[in-house]
Amino acid sequence: MSSKRTWFTYHWIKKQRRRKKWKVYKQAFSLSFDKTIFIYTVVFGVWLFFMIYDWMKQFGPYLAEVEDIFRAELFLFALGLLARSFTASSLRPGIRFTSAELHLSMLPHSRKKLLGIIVVEHMVYHAILAFLVLILIGIITPVSFLLTLQAATIYSAMTAAGLLLQWKCFSLTTRKKILLIPASFLLLGVWRLGIAGHIPSVMNWILLVGMLTFINILLASRILKDVNWSKVIQYNDAVEWNIWFVQQVTKVEIKPPKKLAWTQQLFRTKKAKLPFQSVDRMYHRLWRIYLAEKKEFTLKTIGFCCLFPAATLFLDERVAGLAVPLVVFVYIKMSSSLFGNMFINDKLIFSLPWNKEKLQKTYMKWAMSGFILPLLIILVVYSMRNDIWWLPIQVAGIGCWFYFFLHYEMKRQWVLLQRYGDPPGVVQGILLAIGFILAGLAVVYPYFSIGVILLFAISTTIKGGK
């Protein structure tokens, strides 16, 4: 059937879906709001707009500095948006292809044409939204309109370029996703640090546009191949009818089926179901099951530890120096609290005769493996601030301090749980505080990493020093 007929039929379905949603919205609004409250809300919104407008004028000098930094790193902004498509592919497909479109494609309407229409509409919608939001930011803040237009153009282009990448990566197996996401970050980081600095800026943009154009042409011809349609439809149907306001009023949350979570697939491999071959495997399975239950808390912690240092790339060096040790501090504190809560919440497990050293070592392996992605972000922060030749020493320094701090917290938690034994000594606590300061200074002055390594060597010779 012709593309025009497919377009009209698809929009008729969207129109019927909007009408159903509008009826649900009207019922929810009639229960929660009346005309008087609505008028007061509009008046308050106008007053809030002018208040923010006046407030942002006071930050003019600071925003000018941020604007200069952001303008110099527009290419990094583009790479970050491209990396976002890879990370988002573990959660959502990007293209909103629901069961209604699936049923339509079973009629004499091409599924490829339907996907093409949805992709084009997605690109146009996000481009208009990006320009409106960033132009509004340009009106409210002293940021120049030229920069906002540049940012809106890059956002629209990278969102469009990454859409098919996200669509194809969504249907990949869990193992391939786990390998693909860190690999994409690593390749983009190598490009930014190793290639982008040695060729003209215009050539970087030409290479990026050319590469993305070639990849999207290749993916467009394979858009229907190797797609997990049941997974895509189940997720998109749940998102399509997840009306936020109605959800808040009714307290009924609509989520995609839990069986789609890649974390559950990761923790339920065939190897994980085999009988125990050794005590170490039993300990690993114990922590695997526990961390699978606490996956939301764990993923939020890892997400914060990735985003916080990444945000400092555009800020002052002193802020970046504080961010790296603070991220390590937060991650280890959260990890140690998970370790303690395991035994506090389940008294039966705590009463069993565990081998304390093996139990701690297996948990420390899980904790260290969870810090791999934040460590990659920290490496980017290090590379942006100093000569890349210092990178191995800086990695060794932050790794030594991470291990020392993690071991310190594990020992402290175990003493608190058992209520006997010698807690970590005062000297170790002092060395830990000094390590925090040196790790922060090492972001700006990399030779302080040598001090962190020496501090770790000293701490290993102290056994519960007072």
Protein backbone atom coordinates (compact mmCIF):
# COMPACT_ATOMS: atom_id res chain seq x y z
CA MET A 1 0.00 0.00 0.00
CA SER A 2 1.18 3.58 -0.69
CA SER A 3 3.11 5.55 1.91
CA LYS A 4 0.43 8.26 1.90
CA ARG A 5 -2.31 5.77 2.80
CA THR A 6 -0.09 4.27 5.54
CA TRP A 7 0.60 7.75 6.93
CA PHE A 8 -3.13 8.64 7.08
CA THR A 9 -4.04 5.32 8.73
CA TYR A 10 -1.25 5.62 11.29
CA HIS A 11 -2.31 9.16 12.23
CA TRP A 12 -5.95 8.08 12.52
CA ILE A 13 -4.85 5.46 15.09
CA LYS A 14 -2.79 8.09 16.94
CA LYS A 15 -5.80 10.41 16.97
CA GLN A 16 -8.03 7.74 18.51
CA ARG A 17 -5.36 6.99 21.11
CA ARG A 18 -5.08 10.70 22.01
CA ARG A 19 -8.86 10.90 22.46
CA LYS A 20 -8.82 8.00 24.91
CA LYS A 21 -5.96 9.58 26.85
CA TRP A 22 -7.72 12.94 26.89
CA LYS A 23 -10.85 11.35 28.41
CA VAL A 24 -8.72 9.78 31.15
CA TYR A 25 -6.98 13.12 31.77
CA LYS A 26 -10.31 14.97 31.99
CA GLN A 27 -11.63 12.54 34.57
CA ALA A 28 -8.43 12.78 36.64
CA PHE A 29 -8.34 16.60 36.44
CA SER A 30 -12.01 16.90 37.39
CA LEU A 31 -11.31 14.90 40.55
CA SER A 32 -8.18 16.86 41.51
CA PHE A 33 -8.65 20.44 40.27
CA ASP A 34 -11.33 23.06 39.89
CA LYS A 35 -11.31 26.35 37.93
CA THR A 36 -10.20 28.45 40.89
CA ILE A 37 -7.15 26.28 41.63
CA PHE A 38 -6.26 26.27 37.93
CA ILE A 39 -6.34 30.08 37.74
CA TYR A 40 -4.19 30.41 40.86
CA THR A 41 -1.72 27.87 39.41
CA VAL A 42 -1.39 29.87 36.16
CA VAL A 43 -0.84 33.13 38.09
CA PHE A 44 1.77 31.45 40.28
CA GLY A 45 3.52 30.02 37.20
CA VAL A 46 3.78 33.50 35.61
CA TRP A 47 5.12 34.98 38.85
CA LEU A 48 7.64 32.13 39.16
CA PHE A 49 8.84 32.73 35.59
CA PHE A 50 9.64 36.39 36.25
CA MET A 51 11.25 35.54 39.58
CA ILE A 52 13.60 33.03 37.91
CA TYR A 53 14.30 35.56 35.14
CA ASP A 54 15.35 38.19 37.68
CA TRP A 55 17.29 35.66 39.74
CA MET A 56 19.29 34.37 36.75
CA LYS A 57 20.52 37.89 35.95
CA GLN A 58 22.56 37.81 39.16
CA PHE A 59 24.53 34.82 37.84
CA GLY A 60 25.62 36.64 34.67
CA PRO A 61 29.43 36.54 35.27
CA TYR A 62 29.39 32.90 36.37
CA LEU A 63 27.21 31.85 33.39
CA ALA A 64 29.61 33.69 31.07
CA GLU A 65 32.47 31.48 32.30
CA VAL A 66 30.36 28.34 31.91
CA GLU A 67 29.36 29.50 28.42
CA ASP A 68 33.01 29.86 27.34
CA ILE A 69 33.84 26.36 28.65
CA PHE A 70 30.76 24.83 27.01
CA ARG A 71 31.49 26.52 23.67
CA ALA A 72 35.01 25.06 23.71
CA GLU A 73 33.63 21.57 24.43
CA LEU A 74 30.74 21.36 21.97
CA PHE A 75 32.34 18.30 20.34
CA LEU A 76 32.48 16.55 23.73
CA PHE A 77 28.79 17.44 24.18
CA ALA A 78 28.03 15.71 20.86
CA LEU A 79 29.99 12.59 21.86
CA GLY A 80 28.18 12.53 25.21
CA LEU A 81 24.79 12.57 23.46
CA LEU A 82 25.94 9.74 21.22
CA ALA A 83 27.11 7.72 24.25
CA ARG A 84 23.69 8.34 25.83
CA SER A 85 22.07 6.37 22.99
CA PHE A 86 24.17 3.33 23.86
CA THR A 87 23.38 3.50 27.59
CA ALA A 88 19.66 4.16 26.94
CA SER A 89 19.48 1.02 24.77
CA SER A 90 19.66 -1.12 27.92
CA LEU A 91 16.35 0.42 29.09
CA ARG A 92 14.22 1.47 26.09
CA PRO A 93 14.12 0.90 22.32
CA GLY A 94 13.91 4.59 21.33
CA ILE A 95 11.29 4.07 18.58
CA ARG A 96 7.72 4.01 19.99
CA PHE A 97 6.40 1.00 18.05
CA THR A 98 3.41 -0.31 20.04
CA SER A 99 0.94 -3.17 19.60
CA ALA A 100 -1.35 -0.86 17.60
CA GLU A 101 1.37 -0.32 14.99
CA LEU A 102 2.15 -4.05 15.06
CA HIS A 103 -1.48 -4.91 14.26
CA LEU A 104 -1.51 -2.26 11.54
CA SER A 105 1.58 -3.83 9.96
CA MET A 106 -0.30 -7.15 9.72
CA LEU A 107 -2.71 -5.43 7.34
CA PRO A 108 -1.51 -4.37 3.87
CA HIS A 109 0.76 -1.68 5.38
CA SER A 110 4.52 -2.02 5.27
CA ARG A 111 6.15 -2.36 8.70
CA LYS A 112 9.28 -0.68 7.34
CA LYS A 113 7.24 2.33 6.17
CA LEU A 114 5.55 2.54 9.57
CA LEU A 115 8.92 2.53 11.33
CA GLY A 116 10.16 5.20 8.92
CA ILE A 117 7.17 7.45 9.71
CA ILE A 118 7.68 6.99 13.47
CA VAL A 119 11.43 7.73 13.18
CA VAL A 120 10.85 10.94 11.20
CA GLU A 121 8.17 12.14 13.63
CA HIS A 122 10.45 11.35 16.58
CA MET A 123 13.26 13.40 15.05
CA VAL A 124 11.01 16.37 14.24
CA TYR A 125 9.37 16.31 17.69
CA HIS A 126 12.68 16.25 19.59
CA ALA A 127 14.16 18.94 17.34
CA ILE A 128 11.22 21.30 17.95
CA LEU A 129 11.28 20.55 21.68
CA ALA A 130 15.06 21.13 21.90
CA PHE A 131 14.85 24.48 20.10
CA LEU A 132 11.90 25.68 22.21
CA VAL A 133 13.54 24.71 25.53
CA LEU A 134 16.95 26.12 24.68
CA ILE A 135 15.49 29.33 23.24
CA LEU A 136 13.55 29.70 26.50
CA ILE A 137 16.83 29.21 28.39
CA GLY A 138 18.35 31.91 26.18
CA ILE A 139 15.50 34.27 27.12
CA ILE A 140 15.64 33.58 30.86
CA THR A 141 19.44 33.50 31.21
CA PRO A 142 22.19 35.77 29.87
CA VAL A 143 23.49 32.92 27.68
CA SER A 144 23.89 34.00 24.04
CA PHE A 145 21.28 32.94 21.51
CA LEU A 146 24.00 31.70 19.15
CA LEU A 147 25.21 29.16 21.71
CA THR A 148 21.68 27.97 22.47
CA LEU A 149 21.01 27.50 18.75
CA GLN A 150 24.27 25.57 18.38
CA ALA A 151 23.41 23.35 21.35
CA ALA A 152 19.87 22.76 20.03
CA THR A 153 21.21 21.85 16.57
CA ILE A 154 23.78 19.41 18.00
CA TYR A 155 21.19 17.87 20.35
CA SER A 156 18.70 17.38 17.51
CA ALA A 157 21.32 15.92 15.16
CA MET A 158 22.84 13.53 17.73
CA THR A 159 19.40 12.40 18.93
CA ALA A 160 18.44 11.60 15.33
CA ALA A 161 21.78 9.92 14.62
CA GLY A 162 21.62 7.75 17.72
CA LEU A 163 18.01 6.62 17.30
CA LEU A 164 18.67 3.62 15.04
CA LEU A 165 21.72 2.69 17.13
CA GLN A 166 19.50 2.58 20.21
CA TRP A 167 16.82 0.59 18.34
CA LYS A 168 19.25 -2.12 17.20
CA CYS A 169 21.15 -2.31 20.52
CA PHE A 170 17.91 -2.74 22.51
CA SER A 171 17.33 -6.21 21.03
CA LEU A 172 20.87 -7.43 21.68
CA THR A 173 21.51 -10.09 24.30
CA THR A 174 22.53 -9.07 27.80
CA ARG A 175 26.13 -10.18 27.39
CA LYS A 176 26.54 -8.16 24.19
CA LYS A 177 25.09 -5.07 25.89
CA ILE A 178 27.46 -5.41 28.83
CA LEU A 179 30.39 -5.50 26.41
CA LEU A 180 29.02 -2.85 24.04
CA ILE A 181 28.28 -0.02 26.48
CA PRO A 182 31.76 0.19 28.12
CA ALA A 183 33.37 -0.39 24.69
CA SER A 184 31.42 2.54 23.19
CA PHE A 185 32.46 4.81 26.06
CA LEU A 186 36.08 3.69 25.65
CA LEU A 187 36.12 4.29 21.88
CA LEU A 188 34.52 7.72 22.22
CA GLY A 189 36.95 8.59 25.02
CA VAL A 190 39.96 7.49 22.91
CA TRP A 191 38.67 9.59 20.03
CA ARG A 192 38.19 12.64 22.23
CA LEU A 193 41.54 12.33 24.02
CA GLY A 194 43.77 10.70 21.44
CA ILE A 195 42.50 11.87 18.02
CA ALA A 196 40.39 15.00 18.46
CA GLY A 197 43.24 16.99 19.99
CA HIS A 198 45.60 16.36 17.05
CA ILE A 199 43.40 17.33 14.11
CA PRO A 200 41.44 20.54 13.34
CA SER A 201 38.02 20.96 14.92
CA VAL A 202 36.28 21.08 11.53
CA MET A 203 37.85 17.73 10.59
CA ASN A 204 36.48 16.19 13.80
CA TRP A 205 32.96 17.23 12.87
CA ILE A 206 33.38 15.99 9.29
CA LEU A 207 34.62 12.59 10.53
CA LEU A 208 31.77 12.31 13.05
CA VAL A 209 29.05 13.25 10.54
CA GLY A 210 30.50 10.95 7.89
CA MET A 211 30.77 8.00 10.28
CA LEU A 212 27.22 8.45 11.64
CA THR A 213 25.79 8.86 8.12
CA PHE A 214 27.43 5.60 6.99
CA ILE A 215 26.27 3.71 10.10
CA ASN A 216 22.68 4.97 9.81
CA ILE A 217 22.45 4.07 6.12
CA LEU A 218 23.66 0.58 7.00
CA LEU A 219 21.22 0.24 9.91
CA ALA A 220 18.27 1.63 7.93
CA SER A 221 18.57 -1.26 5.47
CA ARG A 222 18.54 -3.74 8.39
CA ILE A 223 15.93 -2.03 10.57
CA LEU A 224 13.63 -5.10 10.62
CA LYS A 225 16.36 -7.72 11.14
CA ASP A 226 17.13 -9.36 14.51
CA VAL A 227 14.50 -7.33 16.39
CA ASN A 228 12.97 -8.78 19.56
CA TRP A 229 9.42 -7.66 18.72
CA SER A 230 7.75 -9.06 21.86
CA LYS A 231 10.22 -7.21 24.07
CA VAL A 232 9.79 -3.97 22.10
CA ILE A 233 5.97 -4.15 22.12
CA GLN A 234 5.68 -4.98 25.83
CA TYR A 235 7.91 -2.08 26.82
CA ASN A 236 6.31 0.49 24.47
CA ASP A 237 2.74 -0.45 25.45
CA ALA A 238 3.60 0.02 29.12
CA VAL A 239 5.23 3.40 28.44
CA GLU A 240 2.47 4.58 26.08
CA TRP A 241 -0.24 4.15 28.69
CA ASN A 242 1.82 5.20 31.68
CA ILE A 243 0.05 8.56 32.20
CA TRP A 244 2.06 10.28 34.96
CA PHE A 245 -0.70 12.50 36.39
CA VAL A 246 -3.25 9.67 36.50
CA GLN A 247 -0.62 7.45 38.08
CA GLN A 248 -0.09 9.99 40.88
CA VAL A 249 -3.82 10.42 41.48
CA THR A 250 -4.73 6.73 41.49
CA LYS A 251 -1.45 5.49 43.07
CA VAL A 252 -1.41 2.75 40.42
CA GLU A 253 1.98 2.50 38.72
CA ILE A 254 2.29 1.04 35.24
CA LYS A 255 5.72 -0.42 34.50
CA PRO A 256 7.14 -2.62 31.77
CA PRO A 257 7.17 -6.33 32.72
CA LYS A 258 9.99 -7.10 35.13
CA LYS A 259 11.14 -10.00 33.01
CA LEU A 260 12.54 -7.47 30.57
CA ALA A 261 15.06 -6.14 33.07
CA TRP A 262 18.58 -6.87 31.82
CA THR A 263 19.83 -7.04 35.41
CA GLN A 264 17.62 -10.06 36.06
CA GLN A 265 18.97 -11.76 32.96
CA LEU A 266 22.49 -10.99 34.17
CA PHE A 267 21.90 -12.55 37.58
CA ARG A 268 20.01 -15.60 36.24
CA THR A 269 22.48 -17.12 33.82
CA LYS A 270 22.78 -20.87 33.26
CA LYS A 271 26.05 -20.90 35.19
CA ALA A 272 24.32 -19.28 38.18
CA LYS A 273 21.88 -22.22 38.39
CA LEU A 274 24.55 -24.94 38.51
CA PRO A 275 25.20 -26.84 41.79
CA PHE A 276 27.93 -25.52 44.09
CA GLN A 277 31.38 -26.76 43.10
CA SER A 278 33.19 -24.97 45.95
CA VAL A 279 32.59 -22.79 49.00
CA ASP A 280 33.72 -19.70 47.06
CA ARG A 281 30.95 -20.25 44.51
CA MET A 282 28.43 -20.49 47.31
CA TYR A 283 29.59 -17.13 48.66
CA HIS A 284 29.44 -15.57 45.18
CA ARG A 285 25.91 -16.86 44.62
CA LEU A 286 24.85 -15.53 48.02
CA TRP A 287 26.01 -12.01 47.07
CA ARG A 288 24.65 -12.35 43.53
CA ILE A 289 21.14 -13.07 44.80
CA TYR A 290 21.33 -10.31 47.41
CA LEU A 291 22.56 -7.67 44.94
CA ALA A 292 19.85 -8.72 42.46
CA GLU A 293 17.25 -7.95 45.15
CA LYS A 294 18.90 -4.56 45.80
CA LYS A 295 19.49 -3.75 42.13
CA GLU A 296 17.57 -0.45 42.16
CA PHE A 297 19.64 0.92 45.04
CA THR A 298 22.86 -0.41 43.48
CA LEU A 299 22.17 1.03 40.01
CA LYS A 300 21.24 4.43 41.46
CA THR A 301 24.51 4.52 43.39
CA ILE A 302 26.56 3.57 40.31
CA GLY A 303 24.61 6.10 38.22
CA PHE A 304 25.35 8.91 40.69
CA CYS A 305 29.04 7.93 40.78
CA CYS A 306 29.13 8.18 36.96
CA LEU A 307 27.20 11.43 36.54
CA PHE A 308 28.77 13.44 39.37
CA PRO A 309 32.41 13.38 38.11
CA ALA A 310 31.20 13.78 34.50
CA ALA A 311 29.42 17.01 35.48
CA THR A 312 32.69 18.48 36.78
CA LEU A 313 34.28 18.45 33.31
CA PHE A 314 32.81 21.90 32.72
CA LEU A 315 33.50 23.26 36.22
CA ASP A 316 36.45 24.64 38.15
CA GLU A 317 39.47 22.42 38.93
CA ARG A 318 38.80 22.65 42.67
CA VAL A 319 35.32 21.19 42.17
CA ALA A 320 36.76 18.32 40.11
CA GLY A 321 39.36 17.72 42.83
CA LEU A 322 36.59 17.36 45.39
CA ALA A 323 34.34 15.23 43.14
CA VAL A 324 36.68 12.25 42.61
CA PRO A 325 37.38 11.39 46.29
CA LEU A 326 33.76 12.22 47.13
CA VAL A 327 32.53 9.69 44.55
CA VAL A 328 34.81 7.01 46.01
CA PHE A 329 33.64 7.92 49.52
CA VAL A 330 29.93 7.70 48.61
CA TYR A 331 30.35 4.44 46.67
CA ILE A 332 32.25 2.67 49.45
CA LYS A 333 29.90 3.92 52.16
CA MET A 334 26.92 2.63 50.18
CA SER A 335 28.70 -0.68 49.51
CA SER A 336 29.56 -1.18 53.18
CA SER A 337 25.98 -0.37 54.22
CA LEU A 338 24.71 -3.04 51.80
CA PHE A 339 27.18 -5.50 53.33
CA GLY A 340 25.93 -4.76 56.84
CA ASN A 341 22.22 -4.76 55.93
CA MET A 342 22.58 -8.25 54.48
CA PHE A 343 23.08 -9.66 57.98
CA ILE A 344 20.95 -7.16 59.90
CA ASN A 345 17.83 -7.93 57.84
CA ASP A 346 18.36 -11.71 57.84
CA LYS A 347 19.34 -13.01 61.29
CA LEU A 348 19.38 -16.62 60.03
CA ILE A 349 22.17 -15.90 57.56
CA PHE A 350 24.14 -14.03 60.24
CA SER A 351 23.90 -16.98 62.64
CA LEU A 352 25.50 -19.44 60.18
CA PRO A 353 29.22 -20.27 60.63
CA TRP A 354 30.66 -18.28 57.72
CA ASN A 355 34.34 -17.98 56.89
CA LYS A 356 34.73 -14.26 57.57
CA GLU A 357 37.74 -13.68 55.32
CA LYS A 358 36.28 -15.47 52.28
CA LEU A 359 32.91 -13.78 52.77
CA GLN A 360 34.53 -10.34 52.82
CA LYS A 361 36.81 -11.10 49.86
CA THR A 362 33.96 -12.27 47.64
CA TYR A 363 31.91 -9.18 48.48
CA MET A 364 34.91 -6.91 47.84
CA LYS A 365 35.25 -8.48 44.37
CA TRP A 366 31.62 -7.59 43.63
CA ALA A 367 32.11 -4.07 45.01
CA MET A 368 35.26 -3.51 42.91
CA SER A 369 33.60 -4.82 39.73
CA GLY A 370 30.70 -2.39 40.25
CA PHE A 371 33.15 0.53 40.30
CA ILE A 372 34.53 -0.17 36.80
CA LEU A 373 32.17 2.21 34.97
CA PRO A 374 32.63 5.12 37.45
CA LEU A 375 36.39 4.53 37.19
CA LEU A 376 36.22 4.97 33.41
CA ILE A 377 34.49 8.35 33.92
CA ILE A 378 37.14 9.32 36.49
CA LEU A 379 39.84 8.43 33.91
CA VAL A 380 38.24 10.90 31.51
CA VAL A 381 38.33 13.58 34.25
CA TYR A 382 42.00 12.84 34.87
CA SER A 383 42.82 12.97 31.17
CA MET A 384 41.04 16.29 30.67
CA ARG A 385 42.95 17.93 33.53
CA ASN A 386 46.51 16.64 33.05
CA ASP A 387 48.98 15.08 30.65
CA ILE A 388 47.86 11.62 29.60
CA TRP A 389 51.27 10.15 30.58
CA TRP A 390 50.32 10.63 34.25
CA LEU A 391 47.23 8.47 33.78
CA PRO A 392 48.71 5.08 34.89
CA ILE A 393 50.08 6.63 38.12
CA GLN A 394 46.76 8.38 38.81
CA VAL A 395 44.86 5.11 38.23
CA ALA A 396 47.22 3.29 40.58
CA GLY A 397 46.76 6.01 43.20
CA ILE A 398 42.96 6.04 43.13
CA GLY A 399 42.94 2.22 43.03
CA CYS A 400 45.15 1.97 46.13
CA TRP A 401 43.04 4.43 48.06
CA PHE A 402 39.81 2.69 46.94
CA TYR A 403 41.08 -0.71 48.11
CA PHE A 404 42.39 0.66 51.44
CA PHE A 405 39.12 2.49 52.16
CA LEU A 406 36.98 -0.53 51.15
CA HIS A 407 39.01 -2.89 53.36
CA TYR A 408 38.75 -0.38 56.23
CA GLU A 409 34.95 -0.17 55.94
CA MET A 410 34.52 -3.95 55.63
CA LYS A 411 36.49 -4.51 58.84
CA ARG A 412 34.53 -1.80 60.66
CA GLN A 413 31.19 -3.25 59.54
CA TRP A 414 32.12 -6.77 60.62
CA VAL A 415 33.21 -5.61 64.08
CA LEU A 416 29.91 -3.73 64.49
CA LEU A 417 27.94 -6.82 63.44
CA GLN A 418 29.75 -9.27 65.71
CA ARG A 419 30.14 -6.76 68.57
CA TYR A 420 33.61 -7.99 69.37
CA GLY A 421 37.10 -7.74 67.92
CA ASP A 422 39.44 -4.83 67.32
CA PRO A 423 38.01 -2.04 65.13
CA PRO A 424 40.27 -0.22 62.65
CA GLY A 425 42.86 1.83 64.52
CA VAL A 426 43.13 5.60 64.88
CA VAL A 427 46.28 5.66 62.76
CA GLN A 428 44.44 3.96 59.88
CA GLY A 429 41.65 6.53 60.18
CA ILE A 430 44.18 9.37 59.99
CA LEU A 431 45.86 7.77 56.96
CA LEU A 432 42.45 7.42 55.34
CA ALA A 433 41.69 11.14 55.84
CA ILE A 434 45.11 12.09 54.42
CA GLY A 435 44.41 9.80 51.45
CA PHE A 436 41.13 11.64 50.82
CA ILE A 437 42.98 14.96 50.61
CA LEU A 438 45.79 13.59 48.43
CA ALA A 439 43.31 11.87 46.06
CA GLY A 440 41.55 15.21 45.56
CA LEU A 441 44.82 17.07 44.94
CA ALA A 442 45.91 14.36 42.48
CA VAL A 443 43.15 15.40 40.06
CA VAL A 444 44.83 18.78 39.50
CA TYR A 445 48.40 17.92 40.54
CA PRO A 446 49.00 14.32 39.41
CA TYR A 447 52.25 13.86 41.33
CA PHE A 448 50.18 13.66 44.53
CA SER A 449 49.12 10.19 43.30
CA ILE A 450 52.60 8.98 44.28
CA GLY A 451 51.79 10.12 47.82
CA VAL A 452 48.58 8.06 47.77
CA ILE A 453 50.52 4.96 46.68
CA LEU A 454 53.11 5.47 49.44
CA LEU A 455 50.30 5.98 51.94
CA PHE A 456 48.78 2.65 50.89
CA ALA A 457 52.14 0.94 51.32
CA ILE A 458 52.42 2.38 54.86
CA SER A 459 48.86 1.32 55.75
CA THR A 460 49.52 -2.31 54.79
CA THR A 461 52.27 -2.48 57.45
CA ILE A 462 49.91 -1.30 60.18
CA LYS A 463 47.62 -3.87 61.79
CA GLY A 464 45.11 -2.06 63.93
CA GLY A 465 47.49 0.74 64.91
CA LYS A 466 46.28 3.01 67.67
